[in-house]
Amino acid sequence: MQSNKAARKKAVKGSKELEASLAKLRTEILGIAGSSVPGKEINDVIGIVRGISDTQATSKEQFELAEKEALYKLLTEAKTLGANAVIDMKVETGSYAQQGSQWQVSQAVYTGTAVVTRS
């Protein structure tokens, strides 16, 4: 099992790598916390999408990575379904005891509604 310091370092590196992928993806699909896209009309509602992190976070650095993983998965799923935006985006976290350990771990989950917009 990795030491806490090594796990944090790995999370920071993973977070930086994922940030570049997220920046590119955000040029292709828009994520909005509200129920409309400013300056655009919603042409079609595709449906609910979600992204769940793979990282089971026990530190701040790991949680930042988990949140980016969940957001990336949400936007990727929406794009795959043909959406160019996700509205009503929300992030939730869940914490639970890791089996066989005294650690509490958290995962991030993003949800939203995939839509197609037009100007």
PDB file of N, CA and C in Angstrom:
ATOM      1  N   MET A   1       0.837  -1.180   0.000  1.00  0.00           N
ATOM      2  CA  MET A   1       0.000   0.000   0.000  1.00  0.00           C
ATOM      3  C   MET A   1       0.880   1.241   0.000  1.00  0.00           C
ATOM      4  N   GLN A   2       0.486   2.262  -0.795  1.00  0.00           N
ATOM      5  CA  GLN A   2       1.256   3.484  -0.902  1.00  0.00           C
ATOM      6  C   GLN A   2       1.230   4.269   0.398  1.00  0.00           C
ATOM      7  N   SER A   3       2.352   4.963   0.660  1.00  0.00           N
ATOM      8  CA  SER A   3       2.348   5.860   1.810  1.00  0.00           C
ATOM      9  C   SER A   3       1.456   7.048   1.491  1.00  0.00           C
ATOM     10  N   ASN A   4       1.017   7.737   2.528  1.00  0.00           N
ATOM     11  CA  ASN A   4       0.134   8.887   2.354  1.00  0.00           C
ATOM     12  C   ASN A   4       0.813   9.966   1.507  1.00  0.00           C
ATOM     13  N   LYS A   5       2.108  10.197   1.731  1.00  0.00           N
ATOM     14  CA  LYS A   5       2.863  11.206   0.980  1.00  0.00           C
ATOM     15  C   LYS A   5       2.934  10.829  -0.501  1.00  0.00           C
ATOM     16  N   ALA A   6       3.214   9.559  -0.778  1.00  0.00           N
ATOM     17  CA  ALA A   6       3.292   9.091  -2.168  1.00  0.00           C
ATOM     18  C   ALA A   6       1.929   9.180  -2.847  1.00  0.00           C
ATOM     19  N   ALA A   7       0.867   8.857  -2.125  1.00  0.00           N
ATOM     20  CA  ALA A   7      -0.480   8.920  -2.684  1.00  0.00           C
ATOM     21  C   ALA A   7      -0.860  10.363  -3.010  1.00  0.00           C
ATOM     22  N   ARG A   8      -0.481  11.281  -2.155  1.00  0.00           N
ATOM     23  CA  ARG A   8      -0.771  12.700  -2.408  1.00  0.00           C
ATOM     24  C   ARG A   8      -0.006  13.193  -3.633  1.00  0.00           C
ATOM     25  N   LYS A   9       1.257  12.809  -3.732  1.00  0.00           N
ATOM     26  CA  LYS A   9       2.083  13.222  -4.867  1.00  0.00           C
ATOM     27  C   LYS A   9       1.503  12.677  -6.176  1.00  0.00           C
ATOM     28  N   LYS A  10       1.076  11.437  -6.158  1.00  0.00           N
ATOM     29  CA  LYS A  10       0.467  10.821  -7.336  1.00  0.00           C
ATOM     30  C   LYS A  10      -0.829  11.548  -7.711  1.00  0.00           C
ATOM     31  N   ALA A  11      -1.611  11.940  -6.718  1.00  0.00           N
ATOM     32  CA  ALA A  11      -2.865  12.649  -6.967  1.00  0.00           C
ATOM     33  C   ALA A  11      -2.617  14.016  -7.590  1.00  0.00           C
ATOM     34  N   VAL A  12      -1.598  14.730  -7.116  1.00  0.00           N
ATOM     35  CA  VAL A  12      -1.265  16.041  -7.672  1.00  0.00           C
ATOM     36  C   VAL A  12      -0.862  15.895  -9.138  1.00  0.00           C
ATOM     37  N   LYS A  13      -0.035  14.900  -9.420  1.00  0.00           N
ATOM     38  CA  LYS A  13       0.404  14.658 -10.804  1.00  0.00           C
ATOM     39  C   LYS A  13      -0.798  14.296 -11.685  1.00  0.00           C
ATOM     40  N   GLY A  14      -1.660  13.421 -11.217  1.00  0.00           N
ATOM     41  CA  GLY A  14      -2.840  13.015 -11.977  1.00  0.00           C
ATOM     42  C   GLY A  14      -3.788  14.178 -12.204  1.00  0.00           C
ATOM     43  N   SER A  15      -3.923  15.038 -11.211  1.00  0.00           N
ATOM     44  CA  SER A  15      -4.804  16.195 -11.310  1.00  0.00           C
ATOM     45  C   SER A  15      -4.304  17.160 -12.379  1.00  0.00           C
ATOM     46  N   LYS A  16      -3.001  17.387 -12.428  1.00  0.00           N
ATOM     47  CA  LYS A  16      -2.413  18.280 -13.429  1.00  0.00           C
ATOM     48  C   LYS A  16      -2.601  17.715 -14.832  1.00  0.00           C
ATOM     49  N   GLU A  17      -2.401  16.412 -14.988  1.00  0.00           N
ATOM     50  CA  GLU A  17      -2.582  15.775 -16.296  1.00  0.00           C
ATOM     51  C   GLU A  17      -4.039  15.849 -16.747  1.00  0.00           C
ATOM     52  N   LEU A  18      -4.955  15.618 -15.838  1.00  0.00           N
ATOM     53  CA  LEU A  18      -6.377  15.636 -16.160  1.00  0.00           C
ATOM     54  C   LEU A  18      -6.857  17.055 -16.474  1.00  0.00           C
ATOM     55  N   GLU A  19      -6.248  18.049 -15.861  1.00  0.00           N
ATOM     56  CA  GLU A  19      -6.631  19.442 -16.102  1.00  0.00           C
ATOM     57  C   GLU A  19      -6.472  19.806 -17.583  1.00  0.00           C
ATOM     58  N   ALA A  20      -5.429  19.352 -18.228  1.00  0.00           N
ATOM     59  CA  ALA A  20      -5.223  19.633 -19.657  1.00  0.00           C
ATOM     60  C   ALA A  20      -6.332  18.994 -20.492  1.00  0.00           C
ATOM     61  N   SER A  21      -6.696  17.767 -20.180  1.00  0.00           N
ATOM     62  CA  SER A  21      -7.772  17.090 -20.902  1.00  0.00           C
ATOM     63  C   SER A  21      -9.106  17.785 -20.677  1.00  0.00           C
ATOM     64  N   LEU A  22      -9.342  18.245 -19.459  1.00  0.00           N
ATOM     65  CA  LEU A  22     -10.581  18.965 -19.149  1.00  0.00           C
ATOM     66  C   LEU A  22     -10.646  20.292 -19.905  1.00  0.00           C
ATOM     67  N   ALA A  23      -9.528  20.995 -19.991  1.00  0.00           N
ATOM     68  CA  ALA A  23      -9.504  22.278 -20.696  1.00  0.00           C
ATOM     69  C   ALA A  23      -9.885  22.081 -22.164  1.00  0.00           C
ATOM     70  N   LYS A  24      -9.371  21.048 -22.796  1.00  0.00           N
ATOM     71  CA  LYS A  24      -9.709  20.756 -24.198  1.00  0.00           C
ATOM     72  C   LYS A  24     -11.188  20.384 -24.316  1.00  0.00           C
ATOM     73  N   LEU A  25     -11.660  19.530 -23.434  1.00  0.00           N
ATOM     74  CA  LEU A  25     -13.052  19.088 -23.477  1.00  0.00           C
ATOM     75  C   LEU A  25     -14.011  20.267 -23.276  1.00  0.00           C
ATOM     76  N   ARG A  26     -13.642  21.211 -22.436  1.00  0.00           N
ATOM     77  CA  ARG A  26     -14.500  22.377 -22.172  1.00  0.00           C
ATOM     78  C   ARG A  26     -14.631  23.288 -23.393  1.00  0.00           C
ATOM     79  N   THR A  27     -13.740  23.152 -24.384  1.00  0.00           N
ATOM     80  CA  THR A  27     -13.897  23.920 -25.621  1.00  0.00           C
ATOM     81  C   THR A  27     -14.934  23.267 -26.534  1.00  0.00           C
ATOM     82  N   GLU A  28     -15.272  22.012 -26.249  1.00  0.00           N
ATOM     83  CA  GLU A  28     -16.203  21.254 -27.082  1.00  0.00           C
ATOM     84  C   GLU A  28     -17.597  21.134 -26.468  1.00  0.00           C
ATOM     85  N   ILE A  29     -17.681  21.232 -25.156  1.00  0.00           N
ATOM     86  CA  ILE A  29     -18.963  21.084 -24.465  1.00  0.00           C
ATOM     87  C   ILE A  29     -18.978  21.992 -23.239  1.00  0.00           C
ATOM     88  N   LEU A  30     -20.081  22.648 -23.042  1.00  0.00           N
ATOM     89  CA  LEU A  30     -20.221  23.628 -21.975  1.00  0.00           C
ATOM     90  C   LEU A  30     -20.913  23.008 -20.770  1.00  0.00           C
ATOM     91  N   GLY A  31     -20.428  23.328 -19.589  1.00  0.00           N
ATOM     92  CA  GLY A  31     -21.070  22.875 -18.351  1.00  0.00           C
ATOM     93  C   GLY A  31     -21.605  24.065 -17.581  1.00  0.00           C
ATOM     94  N   ILE A  32     -22.893  24.039 -17.230  1.00  0.00           N
ATOM     95  CA  ILE A  32     -23.564  25.163 -16.571  1.00  0.00           C
ATOM     96  C   ILE A  32     -24.275  24.665 -15.313  1.00  0.00           C
ATOM     97  N   ALA A  33     -24.128  25.402 -14.224  1.00  0.00           N
ATOM     98  CA  ALA A  33     -24.846  25.042 -12.994  1.00  0.00           C
ATOM     99  C   ALA A  33     -26.314  25.433 -13.075  1.00  0.00           C
ATOM    100  N   GLY A  34     -26.653  26.426 -13.898  1.00  0.00           N
ATOM    101  CA  GLY A  34     -28.023  26.899 -14.022  1.00  0.00           C
ATOM    102  C   GLY A  34     -28.843  26.064 -14.988  1.00  0.00           C
ATOM    103  N   SER A  35     -30.096  26.499 -15.187  1.00  0.00           N
ATOM    104  CA  SER A  35     -31.017  25.724 -16.018  1.00  0.00           C
ATOM    105  C   SER A  35     -31.115  26.234 -17.452  1.00  0.00           C
ATOM    106  N   SER A  36     -30.276  27.203 -17.817  1.00  0.00           N
ATOM    107  CA  SER A  36     -30.265  27.700 -19.192  1.00  0.00           C
ATOM    108  C   SER A  36     -28.836  28.058 -19.570  1.00  0.00           C
ATOM    109  N   VAL A  37     -28.625  28.218 -20.883  1.00  0.00           N
ATOM    110  CA  VAL A  37     -27.314  28.592 -21.391  1.00  0.00           C
ATOM    111  C   VAL A  37     -27.426  30.023 -21.914  1.00  0.00           C
ATOM    112  N   PRO A  38     -26.739  30.961 -21.293  1.00  0.00           N
ATOM    113  CA  PRO A  38     -26.850  32.358 -21.714  1.00  0.00           C
ATOM    114  C   PRO A  38     -26.570  32.540 -23.209  1.00  0.00           C
ATOM    115  N   GLY A  39     -27.483  33.235 -23.890  1.00  0.00           N
ATOM    116  CA  GLY A  39     -27.314  33.522 -25.304  1.00  0.00           C
ATOM    117  C   GLY A  39     -27.642  32.372 -26.233  1.00  0.00           C
ATOM    118  N   LYS A  40     -28.107  31.265 -25.688  1.00  0.00           N
ATOM    119  CA  LYS A  40     -28.426  30.087 -26.504  1.00  0.00           C
ATOM    120  C   LYS A  40     -29.832  29.602 -26.188  1.00  0.00           C
ATOM    121  N   GLU A  41     -30.388  28.891 -27.136  1.00  0.00           N
ATOM    122  CA  GLU A  41     -31.695  28.270 -26.955  1.00  0.00           C
ATOM    123  C   GLU A  41     -31.496  26.759 -26.874  1.00  0.00           C
ATOM    124  N   ILE A  42     -32.165  26.122 -25.933  1.00  0.00           N
ATOM    125  CA  ILE A  42     -32.077  24.657 -25.838  1.00  0.00           C
ATOM    126  C   ILE A  42     -32.960  24.067 -26.926  1.00  0.00           C
ATOM    127  N   ASN A  43     -32.332  23.342 -27.825  1.00  0.00           N
ATOM    128  CA  ASN A  43     -33.007  22.765 -28.983  1.00  0.00           C
ATOM    129  C   ASN A  43     -33.511  21.346 -28.692  1.00  0.00           C
ATOM    130  N   ASP A  44     -32.769  20.612 -27.863  1.00  0.00           N
ATOM    131  CA  ASP A  44     -33.119  19.214 -27.578  1.00  0.00           C
ATOM    132  C   ASP A  44     -32.576  18.832 -26.205  1.00  0.00           C
ATOM    133  N   VAL A  45     -33.369  18.116 -25.450  1.00  0.00           N
ATOM    134  CA  VAL A  45     -32.928  17.589 -24.157  1.00  0.00           C
ATOM    135  C   VAL A  45     -32.623  16.106 -24.350  1.00  0.00           C
ATOM    136  N   ILE A  46     -31.370  15.741 -24.119  1.00  0.00           N
ATOM    137  CA  ILE A  46     -30.961  14.339 -24.293  1.00  0.00           C
ATOM    138  C   ILE A  46     -31.279  13.528 -23.043  1.00  0.00           C
ATOM    139  N   GLY A  47     -30.952  14.076 -21.879  1.00  0.00           N
ATOM    140  CA  GLY A  47     -31.280  13.388 -20.638  1.00  0.00           C
ATOM    141  C   GLY A  47     -30.207  13.516 -19.577  1.00  0.00           C
ATOM    142  N   ILE A  48     -30.417  12.803 -18.491  1.00  0.00           N
ATOM    143  CA  ILE A  48     -29.533  12.852 -17.332  1.00  0.00           C
ATOM    144  C   ILE A  48     -28.209  12.168 -17.651  1.00  0.00           C
ATOM    145  N   VAL A  49     -27.119  12.807 -17.220  1.00  0.00           N
ATOM    146  CA  VAL A  49     -25.783  12.221 -17.329  1.00  0.00           C
ATOM    147  C   VAL A  49     -25.110  12.332 -15.969  1.00  0.00           C
ATOM    148  N   ARG A  50     -24.128  11.468 -15.744  1.00  0.00           N
ATOM    149  CA  ARG A  50     -23.393  11.553 -14.482  1.00  0.00           C
ATOM    150  C   ARG A  50     -21.979  11.059 -14.674  1.00  0.00           C
ATOM    151  N   GLY A  51     -21.138  11.487 -13.789  1.00  0.00           N
ATOM    152  CA  GLY A  51     -19.747  11.057 -13.769  1.00  0.00           C
ATOM    153  C   GLY A  51     -19.364  10.747 -12.342  1.00  0.00           C
ATOM    154  N   ILE A  52     -18.785   9.582 -12.139  1.00  0.00           N
ATOM    155  CA  ILE A  52     -18.373   9.139 -10.800  1.00  0.00           C
ATOM    156  C   ILE A  52     -16.872   8.931 -10.810  1.00  0.00           C
ATOM    157  N   SER A  53     -16.200   9.494  -9.824  1.00  0.00           N
ATOM    158  CA  SER A  53     -14.742   9.387  -9.766  1.00  0.00           C
ATOM    159  C   SER A  53     -14.297   7.954  -9.495  1.00  0.00           C
ATOM    160  N   ASP A  54     -13.117   7.640 -10.010  1.00  0.00           N
ATOM    161  CA  ASP A  54     -12.486   6.355  -9.704  1.00  0.00           C
ATOM    162  C   ASP A  54     -11.681   6.445  -8.412  1.00  0.00           C
ATOM    163  N   THR A  55     -11.161   7.628  -8.146  1.00  0.00           N
ATOM    164  CA  THR A  55     -10.307   7.833  -6.982  1.00  0.00           C
ATOM    165  C   THR A  55     -11.125   7.805  -5.697  1.00  0.00           C
ATOM    166  N   GLN A  56     -10.649   7.039  -4.758  1.00  0.00           N
ATOM    167  CA  GLN A  56     -11.228   7.016  -3.418  1.00  0.00           C
ATOM    168  C   GLN A  56     -10.331   7.905  -2.565  1.00  0.00           C
ATOM    169  N   ALA A  57     -10.791   9.110  -2.318  1.00  0.00           N
ATOM    170  CA  ALA A  57      -9.962  10.158  -1.732  1.00  0.00           C
ATOM    171  C   ALA A  57      -9.900  10.104  -0.217  1.00  0.00           C
ATOM    172  N   THR A  58      -8.673  10.219   0.288  1.00  0.00           N
ATOM    173  CA  THR A  58      -8.466  10.337   1.731  1.00  0.00           C
ATOM    174  C   THR A  58      -7.710  11.621   2.073  1.00  0.00           C
ATOM    175  N   SER A  59      -7.358  12.412   1.053  1.00  0.00           N
ATOM    176  CA  SER A  59      -6.650  13.673   1.271  1.00  0.00           C
ATOM    177  C   SER A  59      -7.237  14.742   0.355  1.00  0.00           C
ATOM    178  N   LYS A  60      -6.897  15.986   0.641  1.00  0.00           N
ATOM    179  CA  LYS A  60      -7.356  17.110  -0.178  1.00  0.00           C
ATOM    180  C   LYS A  60      -6.902  16.935  -1.635  1.00  0.00           C
ATOM    181  N   GLU A  61      -5.665  16.544  -1.832  1.00  0.00           N
ATOM    182  CA  GLU A  61      -5.126  16.368  -3.172  1.00  0.00           C
ATOM    183  C   GLU A  61      -5.864  15.273  -3.935  1.00  0.00           C
ATOM    184  N   GLN A  62      -6.149  14.180  -3.261  1.00  0.00           N
ATOM    185  CA  GLN A  62      -6.886  13.089  -3.895  1.00  0.00           C
ATOM    186  C   GLN A  62      -8.321  13.508  -4.196  1.00  0.00           C
ATOM    187  N   PHE A  63      -8.929  14.312  -3.315  1.00  0.00           N
ATOM    188  CA  PHE A  63     -10.289  14.745  -3.577  1.00  0.00           C
ATOM    189  C   PHE A  63     -10.346  15.675  -4.781  1.00  0.00           C
ATOM    190  N   GLU A  64      -9.351  16.555  -4.940  1.00  0.00           N
ATOM    191  CA  GLU A  64      -9.308  17.427  -6.118  1.00  0.00           C
ATOM    192  C   GLU A  64      -9.232  16.593  -7.395  1.00  0.00           C
ATOM    193  N   LEU A  65      -8.442  15.536  -7.358  1.00  0.00           N
ATOM    194  CA  LEU A  65      -8.355  14.622  -8.500  1.00  0.00           C
ATOM    195  C   LEU A  65      -9.692  13.930  -8.727  1.00  0.00           C
ATOM    196  N   ALA A  66     -10.316  13.459  -7.672  1.00  0.00           N
ATOM    197  CA  ALA A  66     -11.610  12.769  -7.789  1.00  0.00           C
ATOM    198  C   ALA A  66     -12.666  13.674  -8.403  1.00  0.00           C
ATOM    199  N   GLU A  67     -12.685  14.937  -8.001  1.00  0.00           N
ATOM    200  CA  GLU A  67     -13.674  15.863  -8.539  1.00  0.00           C
ATOM    201  C   GLU A  67     -13.446  16.093 -10.039  1.00  0.00           C
ATOM    202  N   LYS A  68     -12.194  16.236 -10.443  1.00  0.00           N
ATOM    203  CA  LYS A  68     -11.886  16.422 -11.867  1.00  0.00           C
ATOM    204  C   LYS A  68     -12.229  15.165 -12.670  1.00  0.00           C
ATOM    205  N   GLU A  69     -11.968  13.995 -12.107  1.00  0.00           N
ATOM    206  CA  GLU A  69     -12.330  12.741 -12.790  1.00  0.00           C
ATOM    207  C   GLU A  69     -13.835  12.674 -13.035  1.00  0.00           C
ATOM    208  N   ALA A  70     -14.610  13.001 -12.013  1.00  0.00           N
ATOM    209  CA  ALA A  70     -16.066  12.934 -12.132  1.00  0.00           C
ATOM    210  C   ALA A  70     -16.575  13.934 -13.168  1.00  0.00           C
ATOM    211  N   LEU A  71     -16.031  15.144 -13.167  1.00  0.00           N
ATOM    212  CA  LEU A  71     -16.441  16.157 -14.140  1.00  0.00           C
ATOM    213  C   LEU A  71     -16.074  15.719 -15.552  1.00  0.00           C
ATOM    214  N   TYR A  72     -14.874  15.190 -15.724  1.00  0.00           N
ATOM    215  CA  TYR A  72     -14.432  14.722 -17.046  1.00  0.00           C
ATOM    216  C   TYR A  72     -15.350  13.614 -17.560  1.00  0.00           C
ATOM    217  N   LYS A  73     -15.699  12.687 -16.704  1.00  0.00           N
ATOM    218  CA  LYS A  73     -16.587  11.589 -17.112  1.00  0.00           C
ATOM    219  C   LYS A  73     -17.969  12.101 -17.491  1.00  0.00           C
ATOM    220  N   LEU A  74     -18.498  13.059 -16.722  1.00  0.00           N
ATOM    221  CA  LEU A  74     -19.804  13.633 -17.026  1.00  0.00           C
ATOM    222  C   LEU A  74     -19.795  14.301 -18.398  1.00  0.00           C
ATOM    223  N   LEU A  75     -18.821  15.168 -18.632  1.00  0.00           N
ATOM    224  CA  LEU A  75     -18.766  15.889 -19.910  1.00  0.00           C
ATOM    225  C   LEU A  75     -18.519  14.946 -21.078  1.00  0.00           C
ATOM    226  N   THR A  76     -17.683  13.927 -20.872  1.00  0.00           N
ATOM    227  CA  THR A  76     -17.406  12.951 -21.932  1.00  0.00           C
ATOM    228  C   THR A  76     -18.662  12.159 -22.279  1.00  0.00           C
ATOM    229  N   GLU A  77     -19.415  11.737 -21.265  1.00  0.00           N
ATOM    230  CA  GLU A  77     -20.645  10.998 -21.522  1.00  0.00           C
ATOM    231  C   GLU A  77     -21.633  11.851 -22.306  1.00  0.00           C
ATOM    232  N   ALA A  78     -21.791  13.114 -21.902  1.00  0.00           N
ATOM    233  CA  ALA A  78     -22.720  14.011 -22.589  1.00  0.00           C
ATOM    234  C   ALA A  78     -22.304  14.219 -24.042  1.00  0.00           C
ATOM    235  N   LYS A  79     -21.020  14.435 -24.256  1.00  0.00           N
ATOM    236  CA  LYS A  79     -20.517  14.635 -25.624  1.00  0.00           C
ATOM    237  C   LYS A  79     -20.750  13.389 -26.472  1.00  0.00           C
ATOM    238  N   THR A  80     -20.509  12.221 -25.918  1.00  0.00           N
ATOM    239  CA  THR A  80     -20.730  10.955 -26.623  1.00  0.00           C
ATOM    240  C   THR A  80     -22.195  10.807 -27.034  1.00  0.00           C
ATOM    241  N   LEU A  81     -23.096  11.310 -26.216  1.00  0.00           N
ATOM    242  CA  LEU A  81     -24.534  11.231 -26.513  1.00  0.00           C
ATOM    243  C   LEU A  81     -24.987  12.293 -27.522  1.00  0.00           C
ATOM    244  N   GLY A  82     -24.091  13.195 -27.903  1.00  0.00           N
ATOM    245  CA  GLY A  82     -24.420  14.208 -28.900  1.00  0.00           C
ATOM    246  C   GLY A  82     -24.730  15.584 -28.335  1.00  0.00           C
ATOM    247  N   ALA A  83     -24.529  15.786 -27.054  1.00  0.00           N
ATOM    248  CA  ALA A  83     -24.807  17.082 -26.429  1.00  0.00           C
ATOM    249  C   ALA A  83     -23.674  18.069 -26.699  1.00  0.00           C
ATOM    250  N   ASN A  84     -24.012  19.355 -26.672  1.00  0.00           N
ATOM    251  CA  ASN A  84     -22.972  20.376 -26.721  1.00  0.00           C
ATOM    252  C   ASN A  84     -22.980  21.221 -25.437  1.00  0.00           C
ATOM    253  N   ALA A  85     -23.849  20.819 -24.483  1.00  0.00           N
ATOM    254  CA  ALA A  85     -23.887  21.483 -23.177  1.00  0.00           C
ATOM    255  C   ALA A  85     -24.519  20.552 -22.140  1.00  0.00           C
ATOM    256  N   VAL A  86     -24.164  20.823 -20.886  1.00  0.00           N
ATOM    257  CA  VAL A  86     -24.799  20.137 -19.759  1.00  0.00           C
ATOM    258  C   VAL A  86     -25.301  21.232 -18.829  1.00  0.00           C
ATOM    259  N   ILE A  87     -26.588  21.197 -18.515  1.00  0.00           N
ATOM    260  CA  ILE A  87     -27.182  22.183 -17.609  1.00  0.00           C
ATOM    261  C   ILE A  87     -27.511  21.522 -16.272  1.00  0.00           C
ATOM    262  N   ASP A  88     -27.835  22.351 -15.309  1.00  0.00           N
ATOM    263  CA  ASP A  88     -28.197  21.880 -13.960  1.00  0.00           C
ATOM    264  C   ASP A  88     -27.122  20.973 -13.356  1.00  0.00           C
ATOM    265  N   MET A  89     -25.860  21.303 -13.595  1.00  0.00           N
ATOM    266  CA  MET A  89     -24.768  20.478 -13.058  1.00  0.00           C
ATOM    267  C   MET A  89     -24.661  20.643 -11.551  1.00  0.00           C
ATOM    268  N   LYS A  90     -24.466  19.522 -10.890  1.00  0.00           N
ATOM    269  CA  LYS A  90     -24.283  19.504  -9.442  1.00  0.00           C
ATOM    270  C   LYS A  90     -23.188  18.497  -9.117  1.00  0.00           C
ATOM    271  N   VAL A  91     -22.450  18.784  -8.062  1.00  0.00           N
ATOM    272  CA  VAL A  91     -21.465  17.832  -7.580  1.00  0.00           C
ATOM    273  C   VAL A  91     -21.847  17.444  -6.161  1.00  0.00           C
ATOM    274  N   GLU A  92     -21.768  16.162  -5.900  1.00  0.00           N
ATOM    275  CA  GLU A  92     -22.035  15.644  -4.561  1.00  0.00           C
ATOM    276  C   GLU A  92     -20.871  14.754  -4.163  1.00  0.00           C
ATOM    277  N   THR A  93     -20.690  14.623  -2.889  1.00  0.00           N
ATOM    278  CA  THR A  93     -19.646  13.739  -2.392  1.00  0.00           C
ATOM    279  C   THR A  93     -20.251  12.726  -1.440  1.00  0.00           C
ATOM    280  N   GLY A  94     -19.658  11.591  -1.448  1.00  0.00           N
ATOM    281  CA  GLY A  94     -20.073  10.549  -0.517  1.00  0.00           C
ATOM    282  C   GLY A  94     -18.858  10.066   0.243  1.00  0.00           C
ATOM    283  N   SER A  95     -18.998   9.895   1.523  1.00  0.00           N
ATOM    284  CA  SER A  95     -17.911   9.376   2.353  1.00  0.00           C
ATOM    285  C   SER A  95     -18.353   8.086   3.005  1.00  0.00           C
ATOM    286  N   TYR A  96     -17.423   7.175   3.116  1.00  0.00           N
ATOM    287  CA  TYR A  96     -17.724   5.898   3.744  1.00  0.00           C
ATOM    288  C   TYR A  96     -16.445   5.315   4.308  1.00  0.00           C
ATOM    289  N   ALA A  97     -16.589   4.356   5.215  1.00  0.00           N
ATOM    290  CA  ALA A  97     -15.428   3.687   5.799  1.00  0.00           C
ATOM    291  C   ALA A  97     -14.901   2.669   4.807  1.00  0.00           C
ATOM    292  N   GLN A  98     -13.599   2.729   4.548  1.00  0.00           N
ATOM    293  CA  GLN A  98     -12.980   1.772   3.640  1.00  0.00           C
ATOM    294  C   GLN A  98     -12.899   0.424   4.348  1.00  0.00           C
ATOM    295  N   GLN A  99     -13.370  -0.606   3.666  1.00  0.00           N
ATOM    296  CA  GLN A  99     -13.425  -1.938   4.275  1.00  0.00           C
ATOM    297  C   GLN A  99     -12.033  -2.377   4.723  1.00  0.00           C
ATOM    298  N   GLY A 100     -11.952  -2.872   5.938  1.00  0.00           N
ATOM    299  CA  GLY A 100     -10.695  -3.373   6.475  1.00  0.00           C
ATOM    300  C   GLY A 100      -9.729  -2.282   6.887  1.00  0.00           C
ATOM    301  N   SER A 101     -10.214  -1.062   7.026  1.00  0.00           N
ATOM    302  CA  SER A 101      -9.341   0.056   7.350  1.00  0.00           C
ATOM    303  C   SER A 101     -10.056   1.004   8.296  1.00  0.00           C
ATOM    304  N   GLN A 102      -9.279   1.865   8.914  1.00  0.00           N
ATOM    305  CA  GLN A 102      -9.857   2.906   9.761  1.00  0.00           C
ATOM    306  C   GLN A 102     -10.101   4.187   8.971  1.00  0.00           C
ATOM    307  N   TRP A 103      -9.749   4.197   7.683  1.00  0.00           N
ATOM    308  CA  TRP A 103      -9.857   5.391   6.852  1.00  0.00           C
ATOM    309  C   TRP A 103     -11.287   5.653   6.392  1.00  0.00           C
ATOM    310  N   GLN A 104     -11.616   6.923   6.333  1.00  0.00           N
ATOM    311  CA  GLN A 104     -12.836   7.385   5.671  1.00  0.00           C
ATOM    312  C   GLN A 104     -12.413   7.820   4.273  1.00  0.00           C
ATOM    313  N   VAL A 105     -13.109   7.383   3.267  1.00  0.00           N
ATOM    314  CA  VAL A 105     -12.793   7.787   1.896  1.00  0.00           C
ATOM    315  C   VAL A 105     -13.984   8.503   1.278  1.00  0.00           C
ATOM    316  N   SER A 106     -13.701   9.346   0.309  1.00  0.00           N
ATOM    317  CA  SER A 106     -14.745  10.107  -0.376  1.00  0.00           C
ATOM    318  C   SER A 106     -14.646   9.881  -1.869  1.00  0.00           C
ATOM    319  N   GLN A 107     -15.774   9.975  -2.530  1.00  0.00           N
ATOM    320  CA  GLN A 107     -15.836   9.957  -3.980  1.00  0.00           C
ATOM    321  C   GLN A 107     -16.697  11.126  -4.413  1.00  0.00           C
ATOM    322  N   ALA A 108     -16.409  11.649  -5.609  1.00  0.00           N
ATOM    323  CA  ALA A 108     -17.190  12.756  -6.159  1.00  0.00           C
ATOM    324  C   ALA A 108     -18.118  12.219  -7.239  1.00  0.00           C
ATOM    325  N   VAL A 109     -19.320  12.788  -7.301  1.00  0.00           N
ATOM    326  CA  VAL A 109     -20.299  12.425  -8.327  1.00  0.00           C
ATOM    327  C   VAL A 109     -20.871  13.714  -8.908  1.00  0.00           C
ATOM    328  N   TYR A 110     -20.724  13.873 -10.214  1.00  0.00           N
ATOM    329  CA  TYR A 110     -21.359  14.989 -10.918  1.00  0.00           C
ATOM    330  C   TYR A 110     -22.601  14.472 -11.621  1.00  0.00           C
ATOM    331  N   THR A 111     -23.671  15.264 -11.599  1.00  0.00           N
ATOM    332  CA  THR A 111     -24.877  14.953 -12.362  1.00  0.00           C
ATOM    333  C   THR A 111     -25.305  16.213 -13.109  1.00  0.00           C
ATOM    334  N   GLY A 112     -26.051  16.013 -14.169  1.00  0.00           N
ATOM    335  CA  GLY A 112     -26.565  17.132 -14.949  1.00  0.00           C
ATOM    336  C   GLY A 112     -27.478  16.624 -16.057  1.00  0.00           C
ATOM    337  N   THR A 113     -27.976  17.557 -16.857  1.00  0.00           N
ATOM    338  CA  THR A 113     -28.853  17.232 -17.974  1.00  0.00           C
ATOM    339  C   THR A 113     -28.154  17.602 -19.269  1.00  0.00           C
ATOM    340  N   ALA A 114     -27.922  16.612 -20.123  1.00  0.00           N
ATOM    341  CA  ALA A 114     -27.275  16.829 -21.418  1.00  0.00           C
ATOM    342  C   ALA A 114     -28.278  17.430 -22.377  1.00  0.00           C
ATOM    343  N   VAL A 115     -27.865  18.506 -23.063  1.00  0.00           N
ATOM    344  CA  VAL A 115     -28.743  19.203 -24.003  1.00  0.00           C
ATOM    345  C   VAL A 115     -27.976  19.584 -25.266  1.00  0.00           C
ATOM    346  N   VAL A 116     -28.764  19.891 -26.309  1.00  0.00           N
ATOM    347  CA  VAL A 116     -28.216  20.451 -27.540  1.00  0.00           C
ATOM    348  C   VAL A 116     -28.738  21.877 -27.623  1.00  0.00           C
ATOM    349  N   THR A 117     -27.822  22.827 -27.801  1.00  0.00           N
ATOM    350  CA  THR A 117     -28.219  24.229 -27.891  1.00  0.00           C
ATOM    351  C   THR A 117     -27.925  24.772 -29.283  1.00  0.00           C
ATOM    352  N   ARG A 118     -28.554  25.913 -29.566  1.00  0.00           N
ATOM    353  CA  ARG A 118     -28.241  26.639 -30.795  1.00  0.00           C
ATOM    354  C   ARG A 118     -28.332  28.123 -30.490  1.00  0.00           C
ATOM    355  N   SER A 119     -27.679  28.904 -31.314  1.00  0.00           N
ATOM    356  CA  SER A 119     -27.658  30.369 -31.101  1.00  0.00           C
ATOM    357  C   SER A 119     -28.979  30.999 -31.495  1.00  0.00           C
TER     358      SER A 119
END
